[in-house]
């Protein structure tokens, strides 16, 4: 029996159904289509073959986490936290978050007590049959149901952290393991609010948006920039906590039991120093990674590979290029970490509607930002209507070139800084509460102007990265 031949024609990306049918009709016949006979490569890829050079590069992730002597850039990595009850454990308002969690924990404990009494009379009663599934009272998950079965009581603990939920959108997070379904290794990256860290966040595998990368100094959500994997500058070890406890007393004991470890491997430091000189530090390598991951040449050459595995990175041939990528990585990190305090973009025109009453102040509250319109079907992205009284004009087109997870940074601000109400729980998340609780009524307004500046500068830095050729 002869093997089947697969005939393939690439009709093009991002076309509508009508466009595809039109192109096929224009050929007039199947015989006129310029078919290509395709064969799978060794990985089973029929189309969009991987670049063989990619596998020669150094993996960003270790084969085994925390193991010594690994030939990788990082010693460990972690997923962002997956709570499975975001509306409850995240909020722009700490007051609302505390109220919601106190209410849910109280409801859980009452359910636990009631179930414990009920099973005394019916040993076959399952948790699923018994619990109240009112979404306005509680958000049940697999692990919380198991706690009911084990008769585990929960108490409210005051551990509320800053987290990065989506690009340029911080939230307050109730950071208690029983109410975070998959906490992962986040406690090793951010064990307490006092332990500082930086993590490079990457999302690429199976992503339709290609490689996304960002950096943060607080706990990232799993979907921060897609399916987020976090590569830390440091991690914190408390494996000797019991020993340390013998010699420590008082309130500082908990903080003292964490030992800071490097996230960047000794192996990559030794390798980089041999190539670029002994002035190279692990921080230099950390920022080199961040800079290189922004390279358009790298992203384009290995777009197919990055949809199928985490990044593998080269150590560039020239020392000057290494330092250029590291310097650019530091500059990008400074922008992306300090987006809340960077100078606002000055070249926009801010228009205020006339105040109607004497003594009335400008209203910076936001409900939902919207683009301007050229006509009924065409938006004008150079204009953003911040609210009914404030319009921002003259936003440069290049600012929209800075894209994270398929969306410009500016559009992330517009999407996330809007008042929303969760349909299941009825919980409202009002970003104006963040501004109010931080005593900064112009926080969101200035944030938009700051992120425009971040975007423009990011695009400029990326355009200045060294050119890479992969042959």
Protein backbone atom coordinates (compact mmCIF):
# COMPACT_ATOMS: atom_id res chain seq x y z
CA UNK A 1 0.00 0.00 0.00
CA UNK A 2 1.36 3.41 -0.99
CA UNK A 3 1.69 6.06 1.70
CA UNK A 4 -0.75 8.94 1.47
CA UNK A 5 0.56 12.31 0.34
CA UNK A 6 -0.54 15.41 2.19
CA UNK A 7 -1.04 18.43 -0.09
CA UNK A 8 -0.95 21.77 1.70
CA UNK A 9 -1.55 25.38 0.69
CA UNK A 10 -1.06 28.26 3.12
CA UNK A 11 -4.00 30.55 2.44
CA UNK A 12 -2.80 33.22 4.90
CA UNK A 13 -3.42 34.26 8.47
CA UNK A 14 -6.16 36.38 10.02
CA UNK A 15 -8.57 36.06 7.09
CA UNK A 16 -12.34 35.89 7.39
CA UNK A 17 -14.32 32.91 6.10
CA UNK A 18 -15.51 34.99 3.16
CA UNK A 19 -11.94 36.01 2.24
CA UNK A 20 -10.78 32.40 2.31
CA UNK A 21 -13.64 31.24 0.10
CA UNK A 22 -12.99 34.10 -2.33
CA UNK A 23 -9.33 33.14 -2.68
CA UNK A 24 -10.23 29.52 -3.39
CA UNK A 25 -12.86 30.54 -5.97
CA UNK A 26 -10.30 32.68 -7.79
CA UNK A 27 -8.14 29.62 -8.47
CA UNK A 28 -11.05 28.22 -10.49
CA UNK A 29 -10.04 24.61 -9.89
CA UNK A 30 -8.38 22.42 -7.30
CA UNK A 31 -5.70 21.58 -9.85
CA UNK A 32 -4.68 25.25 -10.08
CA UNK A 33 -3.94 25.61 -6.38
CA UNK A 34 -0.14 25.65 -5.87
CA UNK A 35 -0.03 22.74 -3.43
CA UNK A 36 3.02 21.81 -1.38
CA UNK A 37 3.56 18.18 -0.38
CA UNK A 38 4.43 18.22 3.32
CA UNK A 39 6.16 15.73 5.59
CA UNK A 40 6.38 15.79 9.38
CA UNK A 41 9.73 16.48 10.98
CA UNK A 42 11.19 14.45 13.86
CA UNK A 43 8.96 16.33 16.34
CA UNK A 44 5.77 15.47 14.43
CA UNK A 45 5.34 19.03 13.12
CA UNK A 46 3.60 19.04 9.73
CA UNK A 47 3.68 22.81 9.26
CA UNK A 48 5.42 25.63 11.08
CA UNK A 49 8.51 23.52 11.65
CA UNK A 50 10.71 24.32 14.60
CA UNK A 51 14.07 25.96 14.08
CA UNK A 52 16.77 23.34 14.72
CA UNK A 53 19.05 26.02 16.15
CA UNK A 54 16.62 26.58 19.04
CA UNK A 55 17.47 23.29 20.75
CA UNK A 56 21.18 24.26 20.79
CA UNK A 57 20.45 27.21 23.08
CA UNK A 58 20.43 27.18 26.87
CA UNK A 59 17.07 26.42 28.53
CA UNK A 60 15.71 29.16 30.72
CA UNK A 61 14.18 26.60 33.10
CA UNK A 62 16.03 23.85 35.02
CA UNK A 63 15.35 20.20 34.35
CA UNK A 64 14.88 19.73 38.10
CA UNK A 65 13.97 22.62 40.37
CA UNK A 66 16.46 23.63 43.09
CA UNK A 67 19.02 21.02 42.01
CA UNK A 68 22.64 22.17 41.88
CA UNK A 69 24.86 22.14 38.82
CA UNK A 70 22.12 22.43 36.23
CA UNK A 71 22.89 23.80 32.79
CA UNK A 72 20.12 26.39 32.67
CA UNK A 73 19.69 30.10 33.31
CA UNK A 74 17.53 29.64 36.42
CA UNK A 75 17.62 27.29 39.36
CA UNK A 76 13.84 27.21 39.77
CA UNK A 77 10.61 28.65 38.41
CA UNK A 78 6.97 28.77 39.45
CA UNK A 79 3.51 29.30 38.04
CA UNK A 80 1.50 32.32 39.10
CA UNK A 81 -1.11 31.72 41.78
CA UNK A 82 -4.38 30.13 40.67
CA UNK A 83 -7.05 30.95 43.23
CA UNK A 84 -10.14 29.54 41.44
CA UNK A 85 -12.11 32.20 43.37
CA UNK A 86 -10.68 35.44 42.03
CA UNK A 87 -13.73 37.58 42.78
CA UNK A 88 -13.42 36.72 46.47
CA UNK A 89 -9.67 36.81 47.14
CA UNK A 90 -8.75 39.71 44.84
CA UNK A 91 -10.08 43.24 44.99
CA UNK A 92 -9.02 46.82 44.38
CA UNK A 93 -10.29 47.64 47.86
CA UNK A 94 -8.68 46.15 50.94
CA UNK A 95 -11.79 46.99 52.97
CA UNK A 96 -14.04 45.13 50.53
CA UNK A 97 -11.62 42.21 50.41
CA UNK A 98 -11.55 41.88 54.20
CA UNK A 99 -15.34 42.05 54.39
CA UNK A 100 -15.79 39.41 51.69
CA UNK A 101 -13.27 36.98 53.17
CA UNK A 102 -14.55 37.35 56.73
CA UNK A 103 -18.04 36.59 55.44
CA UNK A 104 -16.97 33.57 53.39
CA UNK A 105 -14.82 32.06 56.14
CA UNK A 106 -17.67 32.45 58.63
CA UNK A 107 -20.05 30.75 56.18
CA UNK A 108 -17.55 27.95 55.57
CA UNK A 109 -17.16 27.25 59.30
CA UNK A 110 -20.93 27.10 59.77
CA UNK A 111 -21.18 24.66 56.86
CA UNK A 112 -18.37 22.58 58.34
CA UNK A 113 -20.08 22.42 61.72
CA UNK A 114 -23.45 21.56 60.20
CA UNK A 115 -21.95 18.81 58.04
CA UNK A 116 -20.04 17.38 61.01
CA UNK A 117 -23.34 17.06 62.91
CA UNK A 118 -25.21 15.70 59.89
CA UNK A 119 -22.79 12.83 59.22
CA UNK A 120 -23.25 11.59 62.75
CA UNK A 121 -26.74 10.53 61.72
CA UNK A 122 -25.87 9.57 58.16
CA UNK A 123 -22.35 8.27 57.62
CA UNK A 124 -22.90 8.03 53.88
CA UNK A 125 -23.75 11.70 53.45
CA UNK A 126 -21.37 13.29 50.93
CA UNK A 127 -20.15 16.84 51.09
CA UNK A 128 -21.48 17.45 47.58
CA UNK A 129 -24.99 16.46 48.66
CA UNK A 130 -24.90 18.62 51.78
CA UNK A 131 -23.17 21.94 51.14
CA UNK A 132 -24.96 25.14 50.25
CA UNK A 133 -23.70 26.19 46.82
CA UNK A 134 -25.04 29.76 46.93
CA UNK A 135 -22.40 31.68 44.95
CA UNK A 136 -23.13 34.86 46.89
CA UNK A 137 -22.07 33.12 50.12
CA UNK A 138 -18.99 31.14 49.14
CA UNK A 139 -16.89 29.87 46.27
CA UNK A 140 -16.33 26.15 46.68
CA UNK A 141 -13.30 24.41 45.23
CA UNK A 142 -12.03 20.83 45.45
CA UNK A 143 -9.61 21.54 48.30
CA UNK A 144 -12.12 23.50 50.36
CA UNK A 145 -14.62 20.63 50.07
CA UNK A 146 -11.92 18.25 51.29
CA UNK A 147 -11.41 20.51 54.30
CA UNK A 148 -15.11 20.08 55.12
CA UNK A 149 -14.66 16.30 55.01
CA UNK A 150 -11.62 16.56 57.29
CA UNK A 151 -13.51 18.87 59.68
CA UNK A 152 -10.88 21.60 59.26
CA UNK A 153 -11.79 24.96 60.74
CA UNK A 154 -10.45 28.10 59.11
CA UNK A 155 -9.71 31.46 60.69
CA UNK A 156 -9.24 34.81 59.05
CA UNK A 157 -5.56 35.74 58.95
CA UNK A 158 -4.27 39.21 58.19
CA UNK A 159 -2.05 38.43 55.23
CA UNK A 160 -3.14 40.74 52.43
CA UNK A 161 -0.54 41.37 49.77
CA UNK A 162 -0.07 43.46 46.68
CA UNK A 163 -0.37 41.26 43.62
CA UNK A 164 -0.15 41.85 39.90
CA UNK A 165 -3.37 40.49 38.42
CA UNK A 166 -3.08 41.67 34.83
CA UNK A 167 -0.53 43.92 33.07
CA UNK A 168 -0.25 47.22 34.96
CA UNK A 169 -3.19 46.25 37.17
CA UNK A 170 -2.40 45.61 40.82
CA UNK A 171 -4.90 44.11 43.23
CA UNK A 172 -5.00 43.30 46.90
CA UNK A 173 -4.78 39.54 47.45
CA UNK A 174 -5.85 37.48 50.46
CA UNK A 175 -2.75 35.29 50.60
CA UNK A 176 -3.82 32.27 52.63
CA UNK A 177 -3.14 28.82 51.16
CA UNK A 178 -6.53 27.21 52.03
CA UNK A 179 -8.27 29.82 49.86
CA UNK A 180 -5.83 29.71 46.95
CA UNK A 181 -6.43 26.49 45.08
CA UNK A 182 -2.95 26.30 43.53
CA UNK A 183 -0.49 28.48 45.37
CA UNK A 184 2.51 26.80 43.71
CA UNK A 185 5.95 27.99 44.80
CA UNK A 186 4.87 31.59 45.35
CA UNK A 187 5.62 31.33 49.12
CA UNK A 188 9.22 30.60 48.21
CA UNK A 189 9.41 33.67 46.00
CA UNK A 190 7.45 36.04 48.25
CA UNK A 191 7.35 34.41 51.72
CA UNK A 192 6.39 37.59 53.58
CA UNK A 193 5.64 41.19 52.57
CA UNK A 194 9.10 42.14 53.86
CA UNK A 195 10.99 39.81 51.51
CA UNK A 196 11.77 41.62 48.27
CA UNK A 197 12.15 39.90 44.93
CA UNK A 198 11.97 40.38 41.19
CA UNK A 199 10.53 37.79 38.83
CA UNK A 200 10.61 37.66 35.05
CA UNK A 201 7.22 36.39 33.90
CA UNK A 202 6.91 34.48 30.65
CA UNK A 203 3.96 33.08 28.71
CA UNK A 204 4.38 31.43 25.34
CA UNK A 205 3.54 27.71 25.20
CA UNK A 206 0.33 27.14 23.17
CA UNK A 207 -0.31 30.88 23.18
CA UNK A 208 -1.98 32.35 20.12
CA UNK A 209 -0.46 35.72 21.09
CA UNK A 210 3.14 34.54 20.83
CA UNK A 211 5.78 35.19 23.48
CA UNK A 212 4.75 37.55 26.28
CA UNK A 213 7.19 38.77 28.90
CA UNK A 214 6.99 41.16 31.83
CA UNK A 215 8.64 41.70 35.20
CA UNK A 216 7.13 42.27 38.63
CA UNK A 217 8.11 42.72 42.27
CA UNK A 218 4.90 41.28 43.72
CA UNK A 219 2.90 38.06 43.52
CA UNK A 220 1.69 37.35 39.96
CA UNK A 221 -1.60 35.73 39.08
CA UNK A 222 -1.53 32.62 36.89
CA UNK A 223 -3.09 34.56 34.01
CA UNK A 224 -1.11 37.76 34.55
CA UNK A 225 0.26 37.64 31.00
CA UNK A 226 -1.25 34.35 29.84
CA UNK A 227 -0.29 31.04 31.45
CA UNK A 228 2.40 32.71 33.50
CA UNK A 229 5.69 31.06 34.47
CA UNK A 230 7.87 33.05 36.86
CA UNK A 231 11.67 33.10 36.89
CA UNK A 232 13.05 34.72 40.06
CA UNK A 233 16.13 36.76 40.83
CA UNK A 234 15.97 35.14 44.28
CA UNK A 235 14.09 32.45 46.14
CA UNK A 236 13.78 31.97 49.89
CA UNK A 237 14.58 28.76 51.74
CA UNK A 238 13.11 27.93 55.14
CA UNK A 239 14.07 24.25 55.18
CA UNK A 240 16.12 24.88 58.33
CA UNK A 241 13.32 26.74 60.05
CA UNK A 242 12.94 24.18 62.85
CA UNK A 243 16.64 24.44 63.68
CA UNK A 244 16.59 28.23 63.57
CA UNK A 245 13.50 28.28 65.81
CA UNK A 246 15.57 26.70 68.60
CA UNK A 247 17.80 29.77 68.70
CA UNK A 248 15.27 32.51 67.97
CA UNK A 249 12.51 33.95 70.07
CA UNK A 250 10.01 36.75 69.66
CA UNK A 251 8.24 38.44 66.76
CA UNK A 252 11.25 38.44 64.43
CA UNK A 253 11.61 34.66 64.47
CA UNK A 254 9.38 34.06 61.44
CA UNK A 255 11.22 36.51 59.19
CA UNK A 256 14.65 35.29 60.34
CA UNK A 257 14.06 31.71 59.28
CA UNK A 258 14.19 32.52 55.54
CA UNK A 259 17.53 32.30 53.79
CA UNK A 260 17.82 34.12 50.46
CA UNK A 261 19.12 32.01 47.56
CA UNK A 262 20.05 33.04 44.04
CA UNK A 263 17.59 32.22 41.28
CA UNK A 264 20.26 32.48 38.57
CA UNK A 265 22.46 29.37 38.43
CA UNK A 266 26.15 29.21 39.29
CA UNK A 267 26.69 27.37 36.00
CA UNK A 268 25.40 30.19 33.79
CA UNK A 269 27.45 32.71 35.81
CA UNK A 270 30.63 30.70 35.26
CA UNK A 271 29.82 30.25 31.57
CA UNK A 272 29.06 33.95 31.02
CA UNK A 273 32.20 35.05 32.85
CA UNK A 274 34.37 32.86 30.64
CA UNK A 275 32.83 34.53 27.60
CA UNK A 276 32.41 38.14 28.74
CA UNK A 277 34.80 38.63 31.66
CA UNK A 278 34.68 38.35 35.42
CA UNK A 279 32.78 41.59 35.97
CA UNK A 280 29.57 39.76 35.02
CA UNK A 281 27.16 39.25 37.94
CA UNK A 282 24.02 37.20 38.29
CA UNK A 283 22.00 40.42 38.17
CA UNK A 284 23.63 41.26 34.84
CA UNK A 285 22.53 37.87 33.51
CA UNK A 286 19.02 38.31 34.93
CA UNK A 287 18.60 41.59 33.03
CA UNK A 288 20.29 40.13 29.94
CA UNK A 289 17.50 37.53 29.87
CA UNK A 290 14.86 40.26 30.18
CA UNK A 291 16.45 42.28 27.40
CA UNK A 292 16.90 39.34 25.04
CA UNK A 293 13.32 38.16 25.51
CA UNK A 294 12.20 41.51 24.08
CA UNK A 295 14.31 41.09 20.93
CA UNK A 296 12.08 41.15 17.80
CA UNK A 297 14.73 39.13 15.95
CA UNK A 298 14.62 36.36 18.57
CA UNK A 299 10.82 36.36 18.78
CA UNK A 300 10.42 36.18 15.00
CA UNK A 301 13.07 33.52 14.34
CA UNK A 302 11.72 31.17 17.02
CA UNK A 303 8.01 31.99 17.06
CA UNK A 304 7.04 28.38 16.28
CA UNK A 305 9.42 26.91 18.89
CA UNK A 306 8.14 29.27 21.57
CA UNK A 307 4.60 28.01 21.09
CA UNK A 308 5.80 24.53 22.01
CA UNK A 309 8.33 25.07 24.79
CA UNK A 310 9.65 27.64 27.22
CA UNK A 311 12.40 29.90 25.87
CA UNK A 312 15.90 28.63 25.21
CA UNK A 313 18.37 31.50 24.92
CA UNK A 314 21.79 31.94 23.37
CA UNK A 315 24.73 33.67 24.96
CA UNK A 316 25.50 36.18 22.22
CA UNK A 317 28.93 36.05 20.62
CA UNK A 318 30.12 39.60 21.31
CA UNK A 319 30.65 40.94 24.83
CA UNK A 320 29.41 44.36 23.70
CA UNK A 321 26.09 42.79 22.66
CA UNK A 322 25.78 40.98 26.00
CA UNK A 323 26.22 44.25 27.88
CA UNK A 324 23.85 46.05 25.50
CA UNK A 325 21.10 43.49 26.14
CA UNK A 326 21.76 43.57 29.90
CA UNK A 327 21.68 47.38 29.99
CA UNK A 328 18.48 47.45 27.92
CA UNK A 329 16.96 44.80 30.20
CA UNK A 330 17.68 47.00 33.23
CA UNK A 331 16.14 50.01 31.52
CA UNK A 332 13.04 48.04 30.52
CA UNK A 333 12.73 46.57 34.01
CA UNK A 334 12.96 50.06 35.53
CA UNK A 335 10.07 51.19 33.31
CA UNK A 336 7.91 48.12 33.85
CA UNK A 337 8.44 47.95 37.62
CA UNK A 338 8.08 51.65 38.33
CA UNK A 339 5.14 52.38 36.02
CA UNK A 340 3.20 53.89 38.94
CA UNK A 341 5.77 56.61 39.58
CA UNK A 342 7.36 57.30 36.19
CA UNK A 343 6.74 60.78 34.77
CA UNK A 344 3.44 61.22 32.94
CA UNK A 345 3.51 61.62 29.16
CA UNK A 346 3.62 65.36 28.49
CA UNK A 347 2.80 65.55 24.79
CA UNK A 348 -0.89 64.68 25.15
CA UNK A 349 -3.60 67.32 25.33
CA UNK A 350 -5.92 66.92 28.32
CA UNK A 351 -9.34 68.50 27.84
CA UNK A 352 -11.64 69.19 30.79
CA UNK A 353 -15.35 69.85 30.50
CA UNK A 354 -16.35 73.20 32.09
CA UNK A 355 -17.20 72.96 35.79
CA UNK A 356 -20.88 73.66 36.34
CA UNK A 357 -20.85 74.82 39.96
CA UNK A 358 -18.63 77.32 41.72
CA UNK A 359 -16.13 75.53 43.92
CA UNK A 360 -16.63 72.22 42.10
CA UNK A 361 -13.45 70.16 41.74
CA UNK A 362 -12.34 68.02 38.80
CA UNK A 363 -13.81 64.51 38.96
CA UNK A 364 -11.19 61.82 38.36
CA UNK A 365 -13.49 58.87 39.00
CA UNK A 366 -13.57 56.38 36.15
CA UNK A 367 -16.38 54.01 35.14
CA UNK A 368 -15.08 52.79 31.77
CA UNK A 369 -12.65 54.52 29.42
CA UNK A 370 -13.43 54.63 25.70
CA UNK A 371 -11.60 55.48 22.52
CA UNK A 372 -12.64 58.43 20.40
CA UNK A 373 -14.49 57.79 17.13
CA UNK A 374 -13.78 58.86 13.58
CA UNK A 375 -17.19 57.60 12.50
CA UNK A 376 -19.76 55.08 13.74
CA UNK A 377 -17.52 52.12 12.83
CA UNK A 378 -13.97 53.45 13.22
CA UNK A 379 -12.26 54.22 16.51
CA UNK A 380 -9.61 56.90 16.95
CA UNK A 381 -6.93 55.54 19.29
CA UNK A 382 -5.23 58.92 19.51
CA UNK A 383 -8.17 59.98 21.70
CA UNK A 384 -9.34 58.41 24.98
CA UNK A 385 -12.44 59.59 26.81
CA UNK A 386 -11.34 59.05 30.40
CA UNK A 387 -14.75 59.93 31.83
CA UNK A 388 -17.61 62.27 30.98
CA UNK A 389 -15.51 65.30 31.92
CA UNK A 390 -11.95 64.42 30.82
CA UNK A 391 -10.63 63.60 27.35
CA UNK A 392 -7.01 62.87 26.42
CA UNK A 393 -5.92 63.67 22.86
CA UNK A 394 -2.69 63.26 20.90
CA UNK A 395 -1.75 59.75 22.04
CA UNK A 396 1.07 58.70 19.67
CA UNK A 397 0.50 55.66 17.46
CA UNK A 398 3.85 54.14 18.44
CA UNK A 399 2.63 53.82 22.05
CA UNK A 400 0.31 51.04 20.89
CA UNK A 401 3.29 49.05 19.57
CA UNK A 402 4.11 47.94 23.13
CA UNK A 403 2.00 44.81 23.35
CA UNK A 404 1.71 42.35 26.25
CA UNK A 405 -0.26 39.13 25.72
CA UNK A 406 -1.93 40.32 22.54
CA UNK A 407 -2.99 43.74 23.79
CA UNK A 408 -1.28 47.10 24.08
CA UNK A 409 -0.37 48.28 27.57
CA UNK A 410 -2.71 51.25 27.09
CA UNK A 411 -5.64 48.95 26.29
CA UNK A 412 -4.91 46.88 29.40
CA UNK A 413 -5.34 50.07 31.44
CA UNK A 414 -8.60 50.88 29.67
CA UNK A 415 -9.97 47.36 30.13
CA UNK A 416 -8.97 46.73 33.72
CA UNK A 417 -9.58 50.15 35.28
CA UNK A 418 -13.33 49.89 34.96
CA UNK A 419 -16.00 49.20 37.57
CA UNK A 420 -17.15 45.58 37.27
CA UNK A 421 -19.52 43.28 39.13
CA UNK A 422 -18.97 39.52 39.19
CA UNK A 423 -22.11 37.77 37.95
CA UNK A 424 -21.89 34.74 40.24
CA UNK A 425 -20.96 36.32 43.56
CA UNK A 426 -22.39 39.79 43.01
CA UNK A 427 -19.08 41.25 44.25
CA UNK A 428 -18.17 44.63 42.81
CA UNK A 429 -14.57 45.51 42.05
CA UNK A 430 -14.16 49.27 41.82
CA UNK A 431 -10.62 50.43 40.87
CA UNK A 432 -11.47 53.90 42.21
CA UNK A 433 -11.28 52.29 45.66
CA UNK A 434 -7.57 51.66 45.10
CA UNK A 435 -7.09 55.36 44.41
CA UNK A 436 -9.19 56.30 47.46
CA UNK A 437 -7.43 53.91 49.84
CA UNK A 438 -4.04 55.16 48.62
CA UNK A 439 -5.13 58.79 49.10
CA UNK A 440 -4.54 59.62 45.46
CA UNK A 441 -7.67 60.65 43.58
CA UNK A 442 -5.66 61.10 40.35
CA UNK A 443 -4.04 57.64 40.55
CA UNK A 444 -5.87 56.10 37.57
CA UNK A 445 -5.75 59.28 35.47
CA UNK A 446 -2.01 59.67 36.01
CA UNK A 447 -1.48 55.93 35.55
CA UNK A 448 -2.90 56.14 32.04
CA UNK A 449 -0.52 58.99 31.18
CA UNK A 450 2.38 57.16 32.82
CA UNK A 451 1.74 53.95 30.86
CA UNK A 452 1.65 55.96 27.62
CA UNK A 453 5.15 57.15 28.56
CA UNK A 454 6.21 53.60 29.53
CA UNK A 455 4.96 52.36 26.16
CA UNK A 456 6.76 55.01 24.11
CA UNK A 457 10.03 54.45 25.95
CA UNK A 458 9.72 50.66 25.75
CA UNK A 459 9.27 50.81 21.98
CA UNK A 460 12.32 53.07 21.71
CA UNK A 461 14.51 50.75 23.80
CA UNK A 462 13.40 47.64 21.90
CA UNK A 463 14.18 49.31 18.56
CA UNK A 464 17.70 49.99 19.86
CA UNK A 465 18.47 46.38 20.82
CA UNK A 466 21.40 44.73 19.03
CA UNK A 467 20.43 42.92 15.83
CA UNK A 468 20.56 39.15 15.98
CA UNK A 469 21.13 36.79 13.07
CA UNK A 470 20.34 33.11 13.37
CA UNK A 471 21.82 31.00 10.59
